[in-house]
Amino acid sequence: MPQLNPNPWFYIMAFSWMIFLAVILPMVLVYHFPNDPSMLDPKSTNTQPWAWPWS
C-alpha cells in the first residue's frame, strides 16, 4: 500500500511547514493595519441617543 509509506510525503510536509514558519509567518506578524482603532480619541466621538419612531 503506497499510502502507508510516509517517505516522500513527510519530507514534503516538513519542508512546506519550514517555508511557512521561516518566510510567511514573519511577514504576517510584522503587518500593521493602516487604520489602527486604538489611535482614536474616545472622547472625540459625540453620539446622540436614537429616537425610535415607534416608542
PDB file of N, CA and C in Angstrom:
ATOM      1  N   MET A   1       0.844  -1.189   0.000  1.00  0.00           N
ATOM      2  CA  MET A   1       0.000   0.000   0.000  1.00  0.00           C
ATOM      3  C   MET A   1       0.888   1.250   0.000  1.00  0.00           C
ATOM      4  N   PRO A   2       0.803   2.048  -1.023  1.00  0.00           N
ATOM      5  CA  PRO A   2       1.668   3.238  -1.074  1.00  0.00           C
ATOM      6  C   PRO A   2       1.215   4.336  -0.117  1.00  0.00           C
ATOM      7  N   GLN A   3      -0.028   4.302   0.360  1.00  0.00           N
ATOM      8  CA  GLN A   3      -0.491   5.340   1.270  1.00  0.00           C
ATOM      9  C   GLN A   3       0.198   5.245   2.625  1.00  0.00           C
ATOM     10  N   LEU A   4       0.665   4.065   2.994  1.00  0.00           N
ATOM     11  CA  LEU A   4       1.298   3.883   4.293  1.00  0.00           C
ATOM     12  C   LEU A   4       2.777   4.213   4.269  1.00  0.00           C
ATOM     13  N   ASN A   5       3.332   4.497   3.105  1.00  0.00           N
ATOM     14  CA  ASN A   5       4.741   4.830   3.008  1.00  0.00           C
ATOM     15  C   ASN A   5       4.901   6.342   3.195  1.00  0.00           C
ATOM     16  N   PRO A   6       5.366   6.800   4.358  1.00  0.00           N
ATOM     17  CA  PRO A   6       5.464   8.241   4.591  1.00  0.00           C
ATOM     18  C   PRO A   6       6.753   8.850   4.063  1.00  0.00           C
ATOM     19  N   ASN A   7       7.552   8.070   3.351  1.00  0.00           N
ATOM     20  CA  ASN A   7       8.873   8.534   2.958  1.00  0.00           C
ATOM     21  C   ASN A   7       8.849   9.843   2.166  1.00  0.00           C
ATOM     22  N   PRO A   8       8.171   9.976   1.020  1.00  0.00           N
ATOM     23  CA  PRO A   8       8.250  11.277   0.340  1.00  0.00           C
ATOM     24  C   PRO A   8       7.308  12.314   0.935  1.00  0.00           C
ATOM     25  N   TRP A   9       6.172  11.901   1.475  1.00  0.00           N
ATOM     26  CA  TRP A   9       5.155  12.867   1.886  1.00  0.00           C
ATOM     27  C   TRP A   9       5.515  13.572   3.178  1.00  0.00           C
ATOM     28  N   PHE A  10       6.201  12.891   4.061  1.00  0.00           N
ATOM     29  CA  PHE A  10       6.595  13.545   5.305  1.00  0.00           C
ATOM     30  C   PHE A  10       7.599  14.667   5.033  1.00  0.00           C
ATOM     31  N   TYR A  11       8.530  14.443   4.125  1.00  0.00           N
ATOM     32  CA  TYR A  11       9.519  15.480   3.812  1.00  0.00           C
ATOM     33  C   TYR A  11       8.885  16.652   3.080  1.00  0.00           C
ATOM     34  N   ILE A  12       7.912  16.381   2.243  1.00  0.00           N
ATOM     35  CA  ILE A  12       7.199  17.471   1.570  1.00  0.00           C
ATOM     36  C   ILE A  12       6.432  18.300   2.588  1.00  0.00           C
ATOM     37  N   MET A  13       5.755  17.646   3.531  1.00  0.00           N
ATOM     38  CA  MET A  13       5.021  18.383   4.559  1.00  0.00           C
ATOM     39  C   MET A  13       5.970  19.160   5.465  1.00  0.00           C
ATOM     40  N   ALA A  14       7.065  18.551   5.880  1.00  0.00           N
ATOM     41  CA  ALA A  14       8.022  19.229   6.754  1.00  0.00           C
ATOM     42  C   ALA A  14       8.663  20.412   6.039  1.00  0.00           C
ATOM     43  N   PHE A  15       8.986  20.266   4.772  1.00  0.00           N
ATOM     44  CA  PHE A  15       9.585  21.356   4.018  1.00  0.00           C
ATOM     45  C   PHE A  15       8.598  22.503   3.822  1.00  0.00           C
ATOM     46  N   SER A  16       7.341  22.188   3.564  1.00  0.00           N
ATOM     47  CA  SER A  16       6.353  23.252   3.390  1.00  0.00           C
ATOM     48  C   SER A  16       6.104  23.992   4.704  1.00  0.00           C
ATOM     49  N   TRP A  17       6.114  23.287   5.837  1.00  0.00           N
ATOM     50  CA  TRP A  17       5.965  23.963   7.125  1.00  0.00           C
ATOM     51  C   TRP A  17       7.185  24.807   7.454  1.00  0.00           C
ATOM     52  N   MET A  18       8.360  24.363   7.055  1.00  0.00           N
ATOM     53  CA  MET A  18       9.561  25.183   7.276  1.00  0.00           C
ATOM     54  C   MET A  18       9.495  26.475   6.470  1.00  0.00           C
ATOM     55  N   ILE A  19       8.991  26.385   5.240  1.00  0.00           N
ATOM     56  CA  ILE A  19       8.818  27.590   4.431  1.00  0.00           C
ATOM     57  C   ILE A  19       7.794  28.504   5.075  1.00  0.00           C
ATOM     58  N   PHE A  20       6.701  27.930   5.551  1.00  0.00           N
ATOM     59  CA  PHE A  20       5.668  28.738   6.199  1.00  0.00           C
ATOM     60  C   PHE A  20       6.214  29.438   7.438  1.00  0.00           C
ATOM     61  N   LEU A  21       6.932  28.710   8.283  1.00  0.00           N
ATOM     62  CA  LEU A  21       7.423  29.293   9.530  1.00  0.00           C
ATOM     63  C   LEU A  21       8.569  30.266   9.307  1.00  0.00           C
ATOM     64  N   ALA A  22       9.365  30.078   8.281  1.00  0.00           N
ATOM     65  CA  ALA A  22      10.532  30.930   8.068  1.00  0.00           C
ATOM     66  C   ALA A  22      10.237  32.141   7.197  1.00  0.00           C
ATOM     67  N   VAL A  23       9.277  32.055   6.297  1.00  0.00           N
ATOM     68  CA  VAL A  23       9.061  33.133   5.336  1.00  0.00           C
ATOM     69  C   VAL A  23       7.730  33.837   5.564  1.00  0.00           C
ATOM     70  N   ILE A  24       6.653  33.091   5.565  1.00  0.00           N
ATOM     71  CA  ILE A  24       5.327  33.702   5.575  1.00  0.00           C
ATOM     72  C   ILE A  24       4.935  34.204   6.955  1.00  0.00           C
ATOM     73  N   LEU A  25       5.228  33.458   7.997  1.00  0.00           N
ATOM     74  CA  LEU A  25       4.816  33.854   9.344  1.00  0.00           C
ATOM     75  C   LEU A  25       5.441  35.165   9.803  1.00  0.00           C
ATOM     76  N   PRO A  26       6.747  35.421   9.612  1.00  0.00           N
ATOM     77  CA  PRO A  26       7.277  36.743   9.998  1.00  0.00           C
ATOM     78  C   PRO A  26       6.665  37.896   9.204  1.00  0.00           C
ATOM     79  N   MET A  27       6.315  37.651   7.934  1.00  0.00           N
ATOM     80  CA  MET A  27       5.689  38.714   7.158  1.00  0.00           C
ATOM     81  C   MET A  27       4.299  39.033   7.693  1.00  0.00           C
ATOM     82  N   VAL A  28       3.588  38.042   8.178  1.00  0.00           N
ATOM     83  CA  VAL A  28       2.258  38.272   8.732  1.00  0.00           C
ATOM     84  C   VAL A  28       2.355  38.956  10.088  1.00  0.00           C
ATOM     85  N   LEU A  29       3.353  38.602  10.873  1.00  0.00           N
ATOM     86  CA  LEU A  29       3.460  39.163  12.220  1.00  0.00           C
ATOM     87  C   LEU A  29       3.875  40.629  12.229  1.00  0.00           C
ATOM     88  N   VAL A  30       4.594  41.102  11.216  1.00  0.00           N
ATOM     89  CA  VAL A  30       5.017  42.498  11.196  1.00  0.00           C
ATOM     90  C   VAL A  30       4.032  43.385  10.451  1.00  0.00           C
ATOM     91  N   TYR A  31       2.907  42.837   9.989  1.00  0.00           N
ATOM     92  CA  TYR A  31       1.927  43.631   9.261  1.00  0.00           C
ATOM     93  C   TYR A  31       1.262  44.628  10.199  1.00  0.00           C
ATOM     94  N   HIS A  32       1.138  45.857   9.746  1.00  0.00           N
ATOM     95  CA  HIS A  32       0.472  46.913  10.511  1.00  0.00           C
ATOM     96  C   HIS A  32      -0.783  47.334   9.763  1.00  0.00           C
ATOM     97  N   PHE A  33      -1.874  47.422  10.478  1.00  0.00           N
ATOM     98  CA  PHE A  33      -3.112  47.867   9.875  1.00  0.00           C
ATOM     99  C   PHE A  33      -3.041  49.364   9.626  1.00  0.00           C
ATOM    100  N   PRO A  34      -3.523  49.851   8.496  1.00  0.00           N
ATOM    101  CA  PRO A  34      -3.410  51.279   8.195  1.00  0.00           C
ATOM    102  C   PRO A  34      -4.291  52.160   9.075  1.00  0.00           C
ATOM    103  N   ASN A  35      -5.401  51.675   9.540  1.00  0.00           N
ATOM    104  CA  ASN A  35      -6.254  52.481  10.420  1.00  0.00           C
ATOM    105  C   ASN A  35      -6.397  51.751  11.754  1.00  0.00           C
ATOM    106  N   ASP A  36      -5.490  52.029  12.651  1.00  0.00           N
ATOM    107  CA  ASP A  36      -5.478  51.384  13.955  1.00  0.00           C
ATOM    108  C   ASP A  36      -6.567  52.006  14.831  1.00  0.00           C
ATOM    109  N   PRO A  37      -7.543  51.240  15.282  1.00  0.00           N
ATOM    110  CA  PRO A  37      -8.624  51.825  16.078  1.00  0.00           C
ATOM    111  C   PRO A  37      -8.166  52.293  17.449  1.00  0.00           C
ATOM    112  N   SER A  38      -7.053  51.833  17.949  1.00  0.00           N
ATOM    113  CA  SER A  38      -6.595  52.283  19.256  1.00  0.00           C
ATOM    114  C   SER A  38      -6.038  53.700  19.209  1.00  0.00           C
ATOM    115  N   MET A  39      -5.792  54.238  18.016  1.00  0.00           N
ATOM    116  CA  MET A  39      -5.260  55.586  17.894  1.00  0.00           C
ATOM    117  C   MET A  39      -6.350  56.654  18.022  1.00  0.00           C
ATOM    118  N   LEU A  40      -7.606  56.271  17.953  1.00  0.00           N
ATOM    119  CA  LEU A  40      -8.691  57.235  18.029  1.00  0.00           C
ATOM    120  C   LEU A  40      -8.906  57.702  19.460  1.00  0.00           C
ATOM    121  N   ASP A  41      -9.291  58.945  19.592  1.00  0.00           N
ATOM    122  CA  ASP A  41      -9.593  59.507  20.902  1.00  0.00           C
ATOM    123  C   ASP A  41     -11.034  59.142  21.262  1.00  0.00           C
ATOM    124  N   PRO A  42     -11.260  58.438  22.368  1.00  0.00           N
ATOM    125  CA  PRO A  42     -12.640  58.022  22.682  1.00  0.00           C
ATOM    126  C   PRO A  42     -13.544  59.196  23.041  1.00  0.00           C
ATOM    127  N   LYS A  43     -12.991  60.326  23.448  1.00  0.00           N
ATOM    128  CA  LYS A  43     -13.824  61.473  23.817  1.00  0.00           C
ATOM    129  C   LYS A  43     -14.217  62.302  22.600  1.00  0.00           C
ATOM    130  N   SER A  44     -13.603  62.057  21.453  1.00  0.00           N
ATOM    131  CA  SER A  44     -13.923  62.860  20.272  1.00  0.00           C
ATOM    132  C   SER A  44     -15.211  62.409  19.598  1.00  0.00           C
ATOM    133  N   THR A  45     -15.661  61.221  19.876  1.00  0.00           N
ATOM    134  CA  THR A  45     -16.907  60.757  19.269  1.00  0.00           C
ATOM    135  C   THR A  45     -18.093  61.285  20.061  1.00  0.00           C
ATOM    136  N   ASN A  46     -18.979  61.967  19.378  1.00  0.00           N
ATOM    137  CA  ASN A  46     -20.153  62.538  20.009  1.00  0.00           C
ATOM    138  C   ASN A  46     -21.364  61.751  19.536  1.00  0.00           C
ATOM    139  N   THR A  47     -21.878  60.898  20.376  1.00  0.00           N
ATOM    140  CA  THR A  47     -23.027  60.085  19.997  1.00  0.00           C
ATOM    141  C   THR A  47     -24.281  60.648  20.646  1.00  0.00           C
ATOM    142  N   GLN A  48     -25.359  60.609  19.899  1.00  0.00           N
ATOM    143  CA  GLN A  48     -26.644  61.080  20.381  1.00  0.00           C
ATOM    144  C   GLN A  48     -27.578  59.885  20.524  1.00  0.00           C
ATOM    145  N   PRO A  49     -28.500  59.911  21.480  1.00  0.00           N
ATOM    146  CA  PRO A  49     -29.451  58.802  21.574  1.00  0.00           C
ATOM    147  C   PRO A  49     -30.368  58.780  20.357  1.00  0.00           C
ATOM    148  N   TRP A  50     -30.741  57.615  19.970  1.00  0.00           N
ATOM    149  CA  TRP A  50     -31.544  57.430  18.772  1.00  0.00           C
ATOM    150  C   TRP A  50     -33.016  57.418  19.171  1.00  0.00           C
ATOM    151  N   ALA A  51     -33.788  58.293  18.565  1.00  0.00           N
ATOM    152  CA  ALA A  51     -35.222  58.359  18.842  1.00  0.00           C
ATOM    153  C   ALA A  51     -35.934  57.369  17.930  1.00  0.00           C
ATOM    154  N   TRP A  52     -36.410  56.295  18.513  1.00  0.00           N
ATOM    155  CA  TRP A  52     -37.101  55.289  17.731  1.00  0.00           C
ATOM    156  C   TRP A  52     -38.505  55.791  17.393  1.00  0.00           C
ATOM    157  N   PRO A  53     -38.957  55.604  16.158  1.00  0.00           N
ATOM    158  CA  PRO A  53     -40.255  56.167  15.776  1.00  0.00           C
ATOM    159  C   PRO A  53     -41.434  55.444  16.409  1.00  0.00           C
ATOM    160  N   TRP A  54     -41.283  54.235  16.872  1.00  0.00           N
ATOM    161  CA  TRP A  54     -42.420  53.506  17.417  1.00  0.00           C
ATOM    162  C   TRP A  54     -42.495  53.581  18.934  1.00  0.00           C
ATOM    163  N   SER A  55     -41.572  54.281  19.570  1.00  0.00           N
ATOM    164  CA  SER A  55     -41.627  54.315  21.041  1.00  0.00           C
ATOM    165  C   SER A  55     -42.299  55.554  21.581  1.00  0.00           C
TER     166      SER A  55
END
